[in-house]
Amino acid sequence: MEKVTRETYLNWYENMMFWRKFEDKLASVYIQQKVRGFLHLYNGQEAILAGSLHAMDLTKDRMITAYRNHVQPIGMGVDPKRVMAELFGKATGTSNGLGGSMHIFSKEHRFHGGHGIVGGQIPLGAGMAFGDKYHGSDAVTLCFMGDGAVRQGSLHETLNLAMLWKLPVVFVVENNGYAMGTSVERTANHTDIWKLGLGYEMPCGPIDGMNPVAVAEGIDEAIQRARRGEGPTFLEAKTYRYRGHSMSDAQHYRTKEEVEEYRKIDPITQVKEIILKEEYASEDELAEIDARVKAGVKECEEFAESSPFPEKNVMYDSVYEQKDYPFISHKL
């Protein structure tokens, strides 16, 4: 892993601020019904992505996650304008406007999608790692999931095979405390999710999901282990989300005081404080970054607004390989 430097912190600050403001804009346009369906925001969890990207080799490593998946592809190199266009349901989106919020995808940038089925991405992540190992690549797959997904049987089946076959995959549980509105304490007899790896003798442990340095160090160790052919790792990144499970979540299961308490360790605030303390940048220089972020988000919104909706035939072209659509009945 590259050393964490002044440039690293400044990049983290700008990237995390952009991801936060990008999703704040999505929340705003969602209320205006310009974005439809479900919308699950990542606010508060940005340090996990920032730290992971620092440890990854973006020329070959892969990433797959659940439906809270708007900013991850941006971090992997996808044009944020196309991500926002996808959420607007526009033809210029990452999936021609047909995937929407929960299904951002980019084969080119090795981001293998958000998945709406809880835990559905877990065996897929292991499968991609199996493919890389089979073809002799030393690429590593990072497979992210929420704390609710670890109650799925597919996780345990996948951990067993991943360890048996020594697959180059890092499983990362983003434990934000709640599976929709159900706290971790109410879903199992234990609260240390990382200990699930012990049952498979898989290297495992907790990492501070609010600190990008801690995340980078934990992910780097797991990636290097996988590259050496020593198999998977199971990590629990303890984090928090400042918004509800989705935009329709009234959040009756937690107090405003709890949210405000966690805001005291906001990952963006932590990074900013270190930048100022170490004199990596001044308040004025950070203000310039903030202005650049604001302009970038506005550019994404304008691109999405001005893009056309997809033609109806695109829906069929994206589903059927055969051009005569053999499974469609014309006798209506």
C-alpha atoms as a PDB file:
ATOM      1  CA  MET A   1       0.000   0.000   0.000  1.00  0.00           C
ATOM      2  CA  GLU A   2       1.220   3.485  -0.836  1.00  0.00           C
ATOM      3  CA  LYS A   3       2.140   5.696   2.083  1.00  0.00           C
ATOM      4  CA  VAL A   4      -0.589   7.961   3.448  1.00  0.00           C
ATOM      5  CA  THR A   5       0.641  11.481   2.637  1.00  0.00           C
ATOM      6  CA  ARG A   6      -0.562  15.066   2.483  1.00  0.00           C
ATOM      7  CA  GLU A   7      -1.867  14.392  -1.025  1.00  0.00           C
ATOM      8  CA  THR A   8      -3.725  11.335   0.251  1.00  0.00           C
ATOM      9  CA  TYR A   9      -5.560  13.386   2.872  1.00  0.00           C
ATOM     10  CA  LEU A  10      -6.425  16.140   0.418  1.00  0.00           C
ATOM     11  CA  ASN A  11      -7.720  13.589  -2.082  1.00  0.00           C
ATOM     12  CA  TRP A  12      -9.725  11.892   0.648  1.00  0.00           C
ATOM     13  CA  TYR A  13     -11.256  15.175   1.701  1.00  0.00           C
ATOM     14  CA  GLU A  14     -12.235  16.159  -1.840  1.00  0.00           C
ATOM     15  CA  ASN A  15     -13.524  12.717  -2.782  1.00  0.00           C
ATOM     16  CA  MET A  16     -15.532  12.154   0.397  1.00  0.00           C
ATOM     17  CA  MET A  17     -16.945  15.668   0.233  1.00  0.00           C
ATOM     18  CA  PHE A  18     -17.943  15.082  -3.394  1.00  0.00           C
ATOM     19  CA  TRP A  19     -19.623  11.769  -2.552  1.00  0.00           C
ATOM     20  CA  ARG A  20     -21.508  13.377   0.343  1.00  0.00           C
ATOM     21  CA  LYS A  21     -22.698  16.373  -1.699  1.00  0.00           C
ATOM     22  CA  PHE A  22     -23.482  14.184  -4.705  1.00  0.00           C
ATOM     23  CA  GLU A  23     -25.893  12.155  -2.582  1.00  0.00           C
ATOM     24  CA  ASP A  24     -27.272  15.236  -0.842  1.00  0.00           C
ATOM     25  CA  LYS A  25     -28.260  16.431  -4.307  1.00  0.00           C
ATOM     26  CA  LEU A  26     -29.852  13.047  -5.026  1.00  0.00           C
ATOM     27  CA  ALA A  27     -31.922  13.388  -1.856  1.00  0.00           C
ATOM     28  CA  SER A  28     -33.025  16.833  -2.994  1.00  0.00           C
ATOM     29  CA  VAL A  29     -34.110  15.759  -6.485  1.00  0.00           C
ATOM     30  CA  TYR A  30     -35.731  12.629  -5.074  1.00  0.00           C
ATOM     31  CA  ILE A  31     -38.177  14.839  -3.183  1.00  0.00           C
ATOM     32  CA  GLN A  32     -38.874  16.547  -6.526  1.00  0.00           C
ATOM     33  CA  GLN A  33     -39.585  13.059  -7.984  1.00  0.00           C
ATOM     34  CA  LYS A  34     -36.800  13.373 -10.552  1.00  0.00           C
ATOM     35  CA  VAL A  35     -35.325  10.187  -9.072  1.00  0.00           C
ATOM     36  CA  ARG A  36     -37.877   7.417  -8.509  1.00  0.00           C
ATOM     37  CA  GLY A  37     -38.058   4.118  -6.671  1.00  0.00           C
ATOM     38  CA  PHE A  38     -35.831   3.410  -3.691  1.00  0.00           C
ATOM     39  CA  LEU A  39     -32.836   5.558  -2.771  1.00  0.00           C
ATOM     40  CA  HIS A  40     -30.310   4.311  -0.196  1.00  0.00           C
ATOM     41  CA  LEU A  41     -27.670   6.879   0.740  1.00  0.00           C
ATOM     42  CA  TYR A  42     -24.104   6.331   1.979  1.00  0.00           C
ATOM     43  CA  ASN A  43     -23.784   9.455   4.153  1.00  0.00           C
ATOM     44  CA  GLY A  44     -21.437   8.671   7.048  1.00  0.00           C
ATOM     45  CA  GLN A  45     -19.847   5.561   5.565  1.00  0.00           C
ATOM     46  CA  GLU A  46     -17.482   7.296   3.126  1.00  0.00           C
ATOM     47  CA  ALA A  47     -14.287   6.403   5.016  1.00  0.00           C
ATOM     48  CA  ILE A  48     -14.785   2.729   4.146  1.00  0.00           C
ATOM     49  CA  LEU A  49     -14.714   3.455   0.429  1.00  0.00           C
ATOM     50  CA  ALA A  50     -11.883   5.993   0.686  1.00  0.00           C
ATOM     51  CA  GLY A  51      -9.665   3.643   2.657  1.00  0.00           C
ATOM     52  CA  SER A  52     -10.481   0.642   0.471  1.00  0.00           C
ATOM     53  CA  LEU A  53      -9.632   2.470  -2.740  1.00  0.00           C
ATOM     54  CA  HIS A  54      -6.276   3.514  -1.304  1.00  0.00           C
ATOM     55  CA  ALA A  55      -5.398  -0.137  -0.666  1.00  0.00           C
ATOM     56  CA  MET A  56      -6.693  -1.473  -3.999  1.00  0.00           C
ATOM     57  CA  ASP A  57      -4.958  -1.734  -7.367  1.00  0.00           C
ATOM     58  CA  LEU A  58      -7.600  -0.129  -9.564  1.00  0.00           C
ATOM     59  CA  THR A  59      -5.993  -1.524 -12.720  1.00  0.00           C
ATOM     60  CA  LYS A  60      -7.129  -5.046 -11.860  1.00  0.00           C
ATOM     61  CA  ASP A  61      -8.987  -5.388  -8.535  1.00  0.00           C
ATOM     62  CA  ARG A  62     -12.776  -5.693  -8.490  1.00  0.00           C
ATOM     63  CA  MET A  63     -15.592  -4.435  -6.309  1.00  0.00           C
ATOM     64  CA  ILE A  64     -19.148  -5.612  -5.743  1.00  0.00           C
ATOM     65  CA  THR A  65     -21.671  -4.374  -3.207  1.00  0.00           C
ATOM     66  CA  ALA A  66     -25.336  -4.133  -2.260  1.00  0.00           C
ATOM     67  CA  TYR A  67     -27.860  -1.440  -3.196  1.00  0.00           C
ATOM     68  CA  ARG A  68     -26.197   1.448  -1.312  1.00  0.00           C
ATOM     69  CA  ASN A  69     -23.988   1.839  -4.341  1.00  0.00           C
ATOM     70  CA  HIS A  70     -23.913   5.313  -5.895  1.00  0.00           C
ATOM     71  CA  VAL A  71     -20.493   6.558  -4.850  1.00  0.00           C
ATOM     72  CA  GLN A  72     -18.479   3.329  -5.120  1.00  0.00           C
ATOM     73  CA  PRO A  73     -18.452   3.330  -8.941  1.00  0.00           C
ATOM     74  CA  ILE A  74     -17.391   6.984  -8.898  1.00  0.00           C
ATOM     75  CA  GLY A  75     -14.460   5.985  -6.708  1.00  0.00           C
ATOM     76  CA  MET A  76     -13.610   3.174  -9.136  1.00  0.00           C
ATOM     77  CA  GLY A  77     -13.416   5.668 -12.002  1.00  0.00           C
ATOM     78  CA  VAL A  78     -16.917   5.825 -13.477  1.00  0.00           C
ATOM     79  CA  ASP A  79     -17.948   9.291 -14.704  1.00  0.00           C
ATOM     80  CA  PRO A  80     -20.217  10.719 -11.955  1.00  0.00           C
ATOM     81  CA  LYS A  81     -22.349  12.418 -14.598  1.00  0.00           C
ATOM     82  CA  ARG A  82     -23.303   8.987 -15.941  1.00  0.00           C
ATOM     83  CA  VAL A  83     -24.090   7.746 -12.433  1.00  0.00           C
ATOM     84  CA  MET A  84     -26.455  10.641 -11.802  1.00  0.00           C
ATOM     85  CA  ALA A  85     -28.009  10.200 -15.237  1.00  0.00           C
ATOM     86  CA  GLU A  86     -28.703   6.567 -14.375  1.00  0.00           C
ATOM     87  CA  LEU A  87     -30.548   7.630 -11.248  1.00  0.00           C
ATOM     88  CA  PHE A  88     -32.583  10.078 -13.344  1.00  0.00           C
ATOM     89  CA  GLY A  89     -33.477   7.155 -15.650  1.00  0.00           C
ATOM     90  CA  LYS A  90     -31.754   8.769 -18.626  1.00  0.00           C
ATOM     91  CA  ALA A  91     -30.242   7.140 -21.710  1.00  0.00           C
ATOM     92  CA  THR A  92     -26.777   8.497 -20.853  1.00  0.00           C
ATOM     93  CA  GLY A  93     -26.734   6.526 -17.586  1.00  0.00           C
ATOM     94  CA  THR A  94     -24.435   3.622 -16.778  1.00  0.00           C
ATOM     95  CA  SER A  95     -27.157   1.147 -17.789  1.00  0.00           C
ATOM     96  CA  ASN A  96     -29.013   3.361 -20.272  1.00  0.00           C
ATOM     97  CA  GLY A  97     -31.311   4.493 -17.488  1.00  0.00           C
ATOM     98  CA  LEU A  98     -32.756   0.997 -17.028  1.00  0.00           C
ATOM     99  CA  GLY A  99     -30.979  -0.014 -13.817  1.00  0.00           C
ATOM    100  CA  GLY A 100     -31.634   2.942 -11.568  1.00  0.00           C
ATOM    101  CA  SER A 101     -30.447   3.529  -8.019  1.00  0.00           C
ATOM    102  CA  MET A 102     -29.797  -0.047  -6.928  1.00  0.00           C
ATOM    103  CA  HIS A 103     -28.074  -1.322 -10.075  1.00  0.00           C
ATOM    104  CA  ILE A 104     -25.117   0.856 -11.022  1.00  0.00           C
ATOM    105  CA  PHE A 105     -22.628  -1.216 -13.032  1.00  0.00           C
ATOM    106  CA  SER A 106     -19.409  -0.785 -14.997  1.00  0.00           C
ATOM    107  CA  LYS A 107     -17.566  -3.714 -16.528  1.00  0.00           C
ATOM    108  CA  GLU A 108     -14.873  -1.339 -17.780  1.00  0.00           C
ATOM    109  CA  HIS A 109     -14.032  -0.138 -14.274  1.00  0.00           C
ATOM    110  CA  ARG A 110     -14.522  -3.543 -12.620  1.00  0.00           C
ATOM    111  CA  PHE A 111     -17.452  -2.368 -10.542  1.00  0.00           C
ATOM    112  CA  HIS A 112     -19.826  -5.299 -10.703  1.00  0.00           C
ATOM    113  CA  GLY A 113     -22.889  -3.624  -9.484  1.00  0.00           C
ATOM    114  CA  GLY A 114     -25.215  -2.885  -6.712  1.00  0.00           C
ATOM    115  CA  HIS A 115     -27.648  -5.711  -5.967  1.00  0.00           C
ATOM    116  CA  GLY A 116     -31.179  -5.327  -4.684  1.00  0.00           C
ATOM    117  CA  ILE A 117     -31.414  -8.836  -3.225  1.00  0.00           C
ATOM    118  CA  VAL A 118     -30.061  -8.744   0.332  1.00  0.00           C
ATOM    119  CA  GLY A 119     -26.847 -10.761   0.341  1.00  0.00           C
ATOM    120  CA  GLY A 120     -27.215 -11.641  -3.334  1.00  0.00           C
ATOM    121  CA  GLN A 121     -23.810 -10.144  -4.146  1.00  0.00           C
ATOM    122  CA  ILE A 122     -21.929 -12.362  -1.685  1.00  0.00           C
ATOM    123  CA  PRO A 123     -21.720 -15.592  -3.742  1.00  0.00           C
ATOM    124  CA  LEU A 124     -21.234 -13.487  -6.883  1.00  0.00           C
ATOM    125  CA  GLY A 125     -18.189 -11.819  -5.335  1.00  0.00           C
ATOM    126  CA  ALA A 126     -16.714 -15.207  -4.519  1.00  0.00           C
ATOM    127  CA  GLY A 127     -17.503 -16.367  -8.041  1.00  0.00           C
ATOM    128  CA  MET A 128     -15.586 -13.477  -9.587  1.00  0.00           C
ATOM    129  CA  ALA A 129     -12.638 -14.238  -7.323  1.00  0.00           C
ATOM    130  CA  PHE A 130     -12.830 -17.880  -8.432  1.00  0.00           C
ATOM    131  CA  GLY A 131     -12.706 -16.726 -12.055  1.00  0.00           C
ATOM    132  CA  ASP A 132      -9.601 -14.619 -11.472  1.00  0.00           C
ATOM    133  CA  LYS A 133      -7.852 -17.484  -9.694  1.00  0.00           C
ATOM    134  CA  TYR A 134      -8.864 -19.936 -12.416  1.00  0.00           C
ATOM    135  CA  HIS A 135      -7.414 -17.676 -15.126  1.00  0.00           C
ATOM    136  CA  GLY A 136      -4.187 -17.071 -13.224  1.00  0.00           C
ATOM    137  CA  SER A 137      -4.796 -13.429 -12.362  1.00  0.00           C
ATOM    138  CA  ASP A 138      -3.613 -11.989  -9.061  1.00  0.00           C
ATOM    139  CA  ALA A 139      -6.593  -9.617  -8.929  1.00  0.00           C
ATOM    140  CA  VAL A 140      -8.558  -9.424  -5.681  1.00  0.00           C
ATOM    141  CA  THR A 141     -12.304  -8.889  -5.280  1.00  0.00           C
ATOM    142  CA  LEU A 142     -13.700  -6.722  -2.496  1.00  0.00           C
ATOM    143  CA  CYS A 143     -17.207  -7.875  -1.630  1.00  0.00           C
ATOM    144  CA  PHE A 144     -19.186  -5.471   0.558  1.00  0.00           C
ATOM    145  CA  MET A 145     -22.386  -6.192   2.455  1.00  0.00           C
ATOM    146  CA  GLY A 146     -24.510  -4.700   5.218  1.00  0.00           C
ATOM    147  CA  ASP A 147     -24.922  -6.123   8.707  1.00  0.00           C
ATOM    148  CA  GLY A 148     -28.379  -7.435   7.773  1.00  0.00           C
ATOM    149  CA  ALA A 149     -26.961  -9.547   4.936  1.00  0.00           C
ATOM    150  CA  VAL A 150     -24.827 -11.660   7.272  1.00  0.00           C
ATOM    151  CA  ARG A 151     -27.998 -13.404   8.462  1.00  0.00           C
ATOM    152  CA  GLN A 152     -28.416 -14.924   4.993  1.00  0.00           C
ATOM    153  CA  GLY A 153     -27.544 -18.580   4.547  1.00  0.00           C
ATOM    154  CA  SER A 154     -25.709 -17.760   1.316  1.00  0.00           C
ATOM    155  CA  LEU A 155     -23.034 -15.955   3.335  1.00  0.00           C
ATOM    156  CA  HIS A 156     -22.131 -19.099   5.253  1.00  0.00           C
ATOM    157  CA  GLU A 157     -22.145 -21.281   2.151  1.00  0.00           C
ATOM    158  CA  THR A 158     -19.892 -18.755   0.445  1.00  0.00           C
ATOM    159  CA  LEU A 159     -17.460 -18.432   3.364  1.00  0.00           C
ATOM    160  CA  ASN A 160     -17.101 -22.208   3.454  1.00  0.00           C
ATOM    161  CA  LEU A 161     -16.231 -22.514  -0.246  1.00  0.00           C
ATOM    162  CA  ALA A 162     -14.078 -19.383  -0.296  1.00  0.00           C
ATOM    163  CA  MET A 163     -11.930 -20.809   2.487  1.00  0.00           C
ATOM    164  CA  LEU A 164     -11.924 -24.305   1.030  1.00  0.00           C
ATOM    165  CA  TRP A 165     -10.740 -23.015  -2.369  1.00  0.00           C
ATOM    166  CA  LYS A 166      -8.580 -20.188  -0.943  1.00  0.00           C
ATOM    167  CA  LEU A 167     -10.309 -17.596  -3.118  1.00  0.00           C
ATOM    168  CA  PRO A 168      -8.778 -14.103  -3.501  1.00  0.00           C
ATOM    169  CA  VAL A 169     -11.723 -12.235  -1.994  1.00  0.00           C
ATOM    170  CA  VAL A 170     -12.109  -9.807   0.909  1.00  0.00           C
ATOM    171  CA  PHE A 171     -15.545  -9.840   2.538  1.00  0.00           C
ATOM    172  CA  VAL A 172     -16.322  -6.516   4.206  1.00  0.00           C
ATOM    173  CA  VAL A 173     -19.369  -6.069   6.429  1.00  0.00           C
ATOM    174  CA  GLU A 174     -20.340  -2.404   6.629  1.00  0.00           C
ATOM    175  CA  ASN A 175     -21.950  -2.549  10.038  1.00  0.00           C
ATOM    176  CA  ASN A 176     -23.899   0.702  10.356  1.00  0.00           C
ATOM    177  CA  GLY A 177     -25.838  -0.620  13.323  1.00  0.00           C
ATOM    178  CA  TYR A 178     -29.174  -1.274  11.665  1.00  0.00           C
ATOM    179  CA  ALA A 179     -30.568  -3.755   9.156  1.00  0.00           C
ATOM    180  CA  MET A 180     -33.224  -1.411   7.786  1.00  0.00           C
ATOM    181  CA  GLY A 181     -34.677  -0.488  11.195  1.00  0.00           C
ATOM    182  CA  THR A 182     -33.568  -3.518  13.183  1.00  0.00           C
ATOM    183  CA  SER A 183     -30.509  -3.100  15.407  1.00  0.00           C
ATOM    184  CA  VAL A 184     -27.722  -5.664  15.380  1.00  0.00           C
ATOM    185  CA  GLU A 185     -28.547  -6.553  18.991  1.00  0.00           C
ATOM    186  CA  ARG A 186     -31.976  -7.777  17.908  1.00  0.00           C
ATOM    187  CA  THR A 187     -30.817 -10.009  15.061  1.00  0.00           C
ATOM    188  CA  ALA A 188     -28.389 -12.368  16.768  1.00  0.00           C
ATOM    189  CA  ASN A 189     -26.992 -13.521  20.095  1.00  0.00           C
ATOM    190  CA  HIS A 190     -23.673 -11.822  19.343  1.00  0.00           C
ATOM    191  CA  THR A 191     -22.771  -8.293  18.238  1.00  0.00           C
ATOM    192  CA  ASP A 192     -19.203  -8.892  17.033  1.00  0.00           C
ATOM    193  CA  ILE A 193     -20.055  -9.843  13.466  1.00  0.00           C
ATOM    194  CA  TRP A 194     -16.419 -10.393  12.465  1.00  0.00           C
ATOM    195  CA  LYS A 195     -16.322 -13.474  14.699  1.00  0.00           C
ATOM    196  CA  LEU A 196     -18.415 -15.347  12.122  1.00  0.00           C
ATOM    197  CA  GLY A 197     -15.161 -15.889  10.260  1.00  0.00           C
ATOM    198  CA  LEU A 198     -13.806 -17.939  13.154  1.00  0.00           C
ATOM    199  CA  GLY A 199     -16.193 -20.769  12.360  1.00  0.00           C
ATOM    200  CA  TYR A 200     -14.415 -21.252   9.033  1.00  0.00           C
ATOM    201  CA  GLU A 201     -10.906 -20.595  10.405  1.00  0.00           C
ATOM    202  CA  MET A 202     -10.886 -17.567   8.132  1.00  0.00           C
ATOM    203  CA  PRO A 203      -8.690 -14.569   9.023  1.00  0.00           C
ATOM    204  CA  CYS A 204     -11.093 -11.996  10.422  1.00  0.00           C
ATOM    205  CA  GLY A 205     -11.372  -8.931  12.604  1.00  0.00           C
ATOM    206  CA  PRO A 206     -12.931  -5.505  13.198  1.00  0.00           C
ATOM    207  CA  ILE A 207     -11.764  -2.207  11.686  1.00  0.00           C
ATOM    208  CA  ASP A 208     -12.755   1.384  12.420  1.00  0.00           C
ATOM    209  CA  GLY A 209     -15.072   2.208   9.526  1.00  0.00           C
ATOM    210  CA  MET A 210     -15.077   5.922  10.371  1.00  0.00           C
ATOM    211  CA  ASN A 211     -11.316   6.284   9.839  1.00  0.00           C
ATOM    212  CA  PRO A 212      -9.935   5.905   6.279  1.00  0.00           C
ATOM    213  CA  VAL A 213      -6.423   5.161   7.541  1.00  0.00           C
ATOM    214  CA  ALA A 214      -7.634   2.267   9.691  1.00  0.00           C
ATOM    215  CA  VAL A 215      -9.704   0.960   6.790  1.00  0.00           C
ATOM    216  CA  ALA A 216      -6.796   1.226   4.339  1.00  0.00           C
ATOM    217  CA  GLU A 217      -4.488  -0.680   6.678  1.00  0.00           C
ATOM    218  CA  GLY A 218      -7.012  -3.441   7.329  1.00  0.00           C
ATOM    219  CA  ILE A 219      -7.986  -3.826   3.677  1.00  0.00           C
ATOM    220  CA  ASP A 220      -4.359  -3.737   2.520  1.00  0.00           C
ATOM    221  CA  GLU A 221      -3.396  -6.591   4.843  1.00  0.00           C
ATOM    222  CA  ALA A 222      -6.336  -8.652   3.541  1.00  0.00           C
ATOM    223  CA  ILE A 223      -5.560  -7.866  -0.113  1.00  0.00           C
ATOM    224  CA  GLN A 224      -1.907  -8.816   0.260  1.00  0.00           C
ATOM    225  CA  ARG A 225      -2.910 -12.085   1.914  1.00  0.00           C
ATOM    226  CA  ALA A 226      -5.210 -12.845  -1.027  1.00  0.00           C
ATOM    227  CA  ARG A 227      -2.530 -11.965  -3.604  1.00  0.00           C
ATOM    228  CA  ARG A 228      -0.147 -14.415  -1.937  1.00  0.00           C
ATOM    229  CA  GLY A 229      -2.702 -17.151  -2.528  1.00  0.00           C
ATOM    230  CA  GLU A 230      -3.590 -17.499   1.145  1.00  0.00           C
ATOM    231  CA  GLY A 231      -7.308 -17.021   0.607  1.00  0.00           C
ATOM    232  CA  PRO A 232     -10.095 -14.776   1.892  1.00  0.00           C
ATOM    233  CA  THR A 233     -10.531 -12.441   4.848  1.00  0.00           C
ATOM    234  CA  PHE A 234     -13.699 -11.447   6.689  1.00  0.00           C
ATOM    235  CA  LEU A 235     -13.707  -7.882   8.063  1.00  0.00           C
ATOM    236  CA  GLU A 236     -16.287  -5.916  10.014  1.00  0.00           C
ATOM    237  CA  ALA A 237     -16.078  -2.174   9.377  1.00  0.00           C
ATOM    238  CA  LYS A 238     -17.963  -0.492  12.197  1.00  0.00           C
ATOM    239  CA  THR A 239     -19.613   2.634  10.819  1.00  0.00           C
ATOM    240  CA  TYR A 240     -22.824   4.683  10.922  1.00  0.00           C
ATOM    241  CA  ARG A 241     -25.272   6.162   8.435  1.00  0.00           C
ATOM    242  CA  TYR A 242     -26.597   9.640   9.068  1.00  0.00           C
ATOM    243  CA  ARG A 243     -29.674   9.216   6.897  1.00  0.00           C
ATOM    244  CA  GLY A 244     -32.341   6.543   7.088  1.00  0.00           C
ATOM    245  CA  HIS A 245     -32.155   3.132   5.485  1.00  0.00           C
ATOM    246  CA  SER A 246     -33.785   4.702   2.441  1.00  0.00           C
ATOM    247  CA  MET A 247     -35.548   7.970   1.696  1.00  0.00           C
ATOM    248  CA  SER A 248     -38.844   6.468   2.866  1.00  0.00           C
ATOM    249  CA  ASP A 249     -37.423   5.622   6.304  1.00  0.00           C
ATOM    250  CA  ALA A 250     -38.992   7.636   9.147  1.00  0.00           C
ATOM    251  CA  GLN A 251     -36.197   6.460  11.497  1.00  0.00           C
ATOM    252  CA  HIS A 252     -38.434   5.833  14.506  1.00  0.00           C
ATOM    253  CA  TYR A 253     -36.005   3.171  15.740  1.00  0.00           C
ATOM    254  CA  ARG A 254     -33.296   5.657  16.772  1.00  0.00           C
ATOM    255  CA  THR A 255     -33.090   9.047  18.456  1.00  0.00           C
ATOM    256  CA  LYS A 256     -31.842  12.327  17.064  1.00  0.00           C
ATOM    257  CA  GLU A 257     -29.395  12.410  19.960  1.00  0.00           C
ATOM    258  CA  GLU A 258     -27.848   9.145  18.796  1.00  0.00           C
ATOM    259  CA  VAL A 259     -27.331  10.494  15.284  1.00  0.00           C
ATOM    260  CA  GLU A 260     -25.808  13.726  16.601  1.00  0.00           C
ATOM    261  CA  GLU A 261     -23.437  11.767  18.816  1.00  0.00           C
ATOM    262  CA  TYR A 262     -22.112   9.880  15.800  1.00  0.00           C
ATOM    263  CA  ARG A 263     -21.774  13.120  13.845  1.00  0.00           C
ATOM    264  CA  LYS A 264     -18.980  13.987  16.257  1.00  0.00           C
ATOM    265  CA  ILE A 265     -16.865  11.319  14.535  1.00  0.00           C
ATOM    266  CA  ASP A 266     -17.960  12.129  10.967  1.00  0.00           C
ATOM    267  CA  PRO A 267     -15.184  10.752   8.713  1.00  0.00           C
ATOM    268  CA  ILE A 268     -15.068  13.948   6.649  1.00  0.00           C
ATOM    269  CA  THR A 269     -14.692  16.050   9.788  1.00  0.00           C
ATOM    270  CA  GLN A 270     -11.928  13.743  11.042  1.00  0.00           C
ATOM    271  CA  VAL A 271      -9.988  14.107   7.791  1.00  0.00           C
ATOM    272  CA  LYS A 272     -10.477  17.875   7.766  1.00  0.00           C
ATOM    273  CA  GLU A 273      -9.218  18.204  11.323  1.00  0.00           C
ATOM    274  CA  ILE A 274      -6.018  16.296  10.490  1.00  0.00           C
ATOM    275  CA  ILE A 275      -5.464  18.424   7.371  1.00  0.00           C
ATOM    276  CA  LEU A 276      -5.686  21.605   9.435  1.00  0.00           C
ATOM    277  CA  LYS A 277      -3.701  20.229  12.362  1.00  0.00           C
ATOM    278  CA  GLU A 278      -0.840  19.041  10.150  1.00  0.00           C
ATOM    279  CA  GLU A 279      -1.094  22.223   8.034  1.00  0.00           C
ATOM    280  CA  TYR A 280      -1.633  20.227   4.854  1.00  0.00           C
ATOM    281  CA  ALA A 281      -3.971  23.013   3.712  1.00  0.00           C
ATOM    282  CA  SER A 282      -5.531  26.197   5.029  1.00  0.00           C
ATOM    283  CA  GLU A 283      -9.207  26.938   5.573  1.00  0.00           C
ATOM    284  CA  ASP A 284      -9.140  29.023   2.381  1.00  0.00           C
ATOM    285  CA  GLU A 285      -7.666  26.151   0.386  1.00  0.00           C
ATOM    286  CA  LEU A 286     -10.305  23.777   1.740  1.00  0.00           C
ATOM    287  CA  ALA A 287     -12.954  26.334   0.772  1.00  0.00           C
ATOM    288  CA  GLU A 288     -11.606  26.170  -2.781  1.00  0.00           C
ATOM    289  CA  ILE A 289     -12.055  22.386  -2.724  1.00  0.00           C
ATOM    290  CA  ASP A 290     -15.603  22.834  -1.420  1.00  0.00           C
ATOM    291  CA  ALA A 291     -16.364  25.216  -4.296  1.00  0.00           C
ATOM    292  CA  ARG A 292     -14.918  22.759  -6.807  1.00  0.00           C
ATOM    293  CA  VAL A 293     -17.055  19.972  -5.348  1.00  0.00           C
ATOM    294  CA  LYS A 294     -20.188  22.118  -5.533  1.00  0.00           C
ATOM    295  CA  ALA A 295     -19.491  22.970  -9.177  1.00  0.00           C
ATOM    296  CA  GLY A 296     -18.861  19.303 -10.000  1.00  0.00           C
ATOM    297  CA  VAL A 297     -22.156  18.178  -8.478  1.00  0.00           C
ATOM    298  CA  LYS A 298     -23.993  20.941 -10.350  1.00  0.00           C
ATOM    299  CA  GLU A 299     -22.412  19.760 -13.596  1.00  0.00           C
ATOM    300  CA  CYS A 300     -23.669  16.229 -12.909  1.00  0.00           C
ATOM    301  CA  GLU A 301     -27.186  17.473 -12.240  1.00  0.00           C
ATOM    302  CA  GLU A 302     -27.253  19.600 -15.404  1.00  0.00           C
ATOM    303  CA  PHE A 303     -25.988  16.659 -17.472  1.00  0.00           C
ATOM    304  CA  ALA A 304     -28.686  14.365 -16.075  1.00  0.00           C
ATOM    305  CA  GLU A 305     -31.424  16.963 -16.518  1.00  0.00           C
ATOM    306  CA  SER A 306     -30.515  17.659 -20.150  1.00  0.00           C
ATOM    307  CA  SER A 307     -30.071  14.002 -21.157  1.00  0.00           C
ATOM    308  CA  PRO A 308     -32.913  12.244 -23.026  1.00  0.00           C
ATOM    309  CA  PHE A 309     -34.929   9.339 -21.699  1.00  0.00           C
ATOM    310  CA  PRO A 310     -34.127   6.000 -23.408  1.00  0.00           C
ATOM    311  CA  GLU A 311     -36.171   4.847 -26.373  1.00  0.00           C
ATOM    312  CA  LYS A 312     -38.550   1.985 -25.599  1.00  0.00           C
ATOM    313  CA  ASN A 313     -36.759  -0.414 -27.933  1.00  0.00           C
ATOM    314  CA  VAL A 314     -33.633  -0.135 -25.747  1.00  0.00           C
ATOM    315  CA  MET A 315     -35.475  -2.078 -23.058  1.00  0.00           C
ATOM    316  CA  TYR A 316     -35.851  -5.066 -25.387  1.00  0.00           C
ATOM    317  CA  ASP A 317     -32.334  -4.740 -26.827  1.00  0.00           C
ATOM    318  CA  SER A 318     -30.896  -4.877 -23.302  1.00  0.00           C
ATOM    319  CA  VAL A 319     -32.868  -7.984 -22.339  1.00  0.00           C
ATOM    320  CA  TYR A 320     -32.876 -10.230 -25.393  1.00  0.00           C
ATOM    321  CA  GLU A 321     -29.819 -11.263 -27.381  1.00  0.00           C
ATOM    322  CA  GLN A 322     -31.889 -12.539 -30.328  1.00  0.00           C
ATOM    323  CA  LYS A 323     -33.255  -9.681 -32.398  1.00  0.00           C
ATOM    324  CA  ASP A 324     -36.549 -11.430 -33.201  1.00  0.00           C
ATOM    325  CA  TYR A 325     -37.471 -11.507 -29.474  1.00  0.00           C
ATOM    326  CA  PRO A 326     -38.655 -15.181 -29.533  1.00  0.00           C
ATOM    327  CA  PHE A 327     -40.302 -15.012 -26.120  1.00  0.00           C
ATOM    328  CA  ILE A 328     -42.580 -12.092 -26.870  1.00  0.00           C
ATOM    329  CA  SER A 329     -46.097 -12.818 -28.032  1.00  0.00           C
ATOM    330  CA  HIS A 330     -47.457 -10.490 -30.699  1.00  0.00           C
ATOM    331  CA  LYS A 331     -50.947 -11.942 -30.418  1.00  0.00           C
ATOM    332  CA  LEU A 332     -52.425  -9.562 -27.881  1.00  0.00           C
END
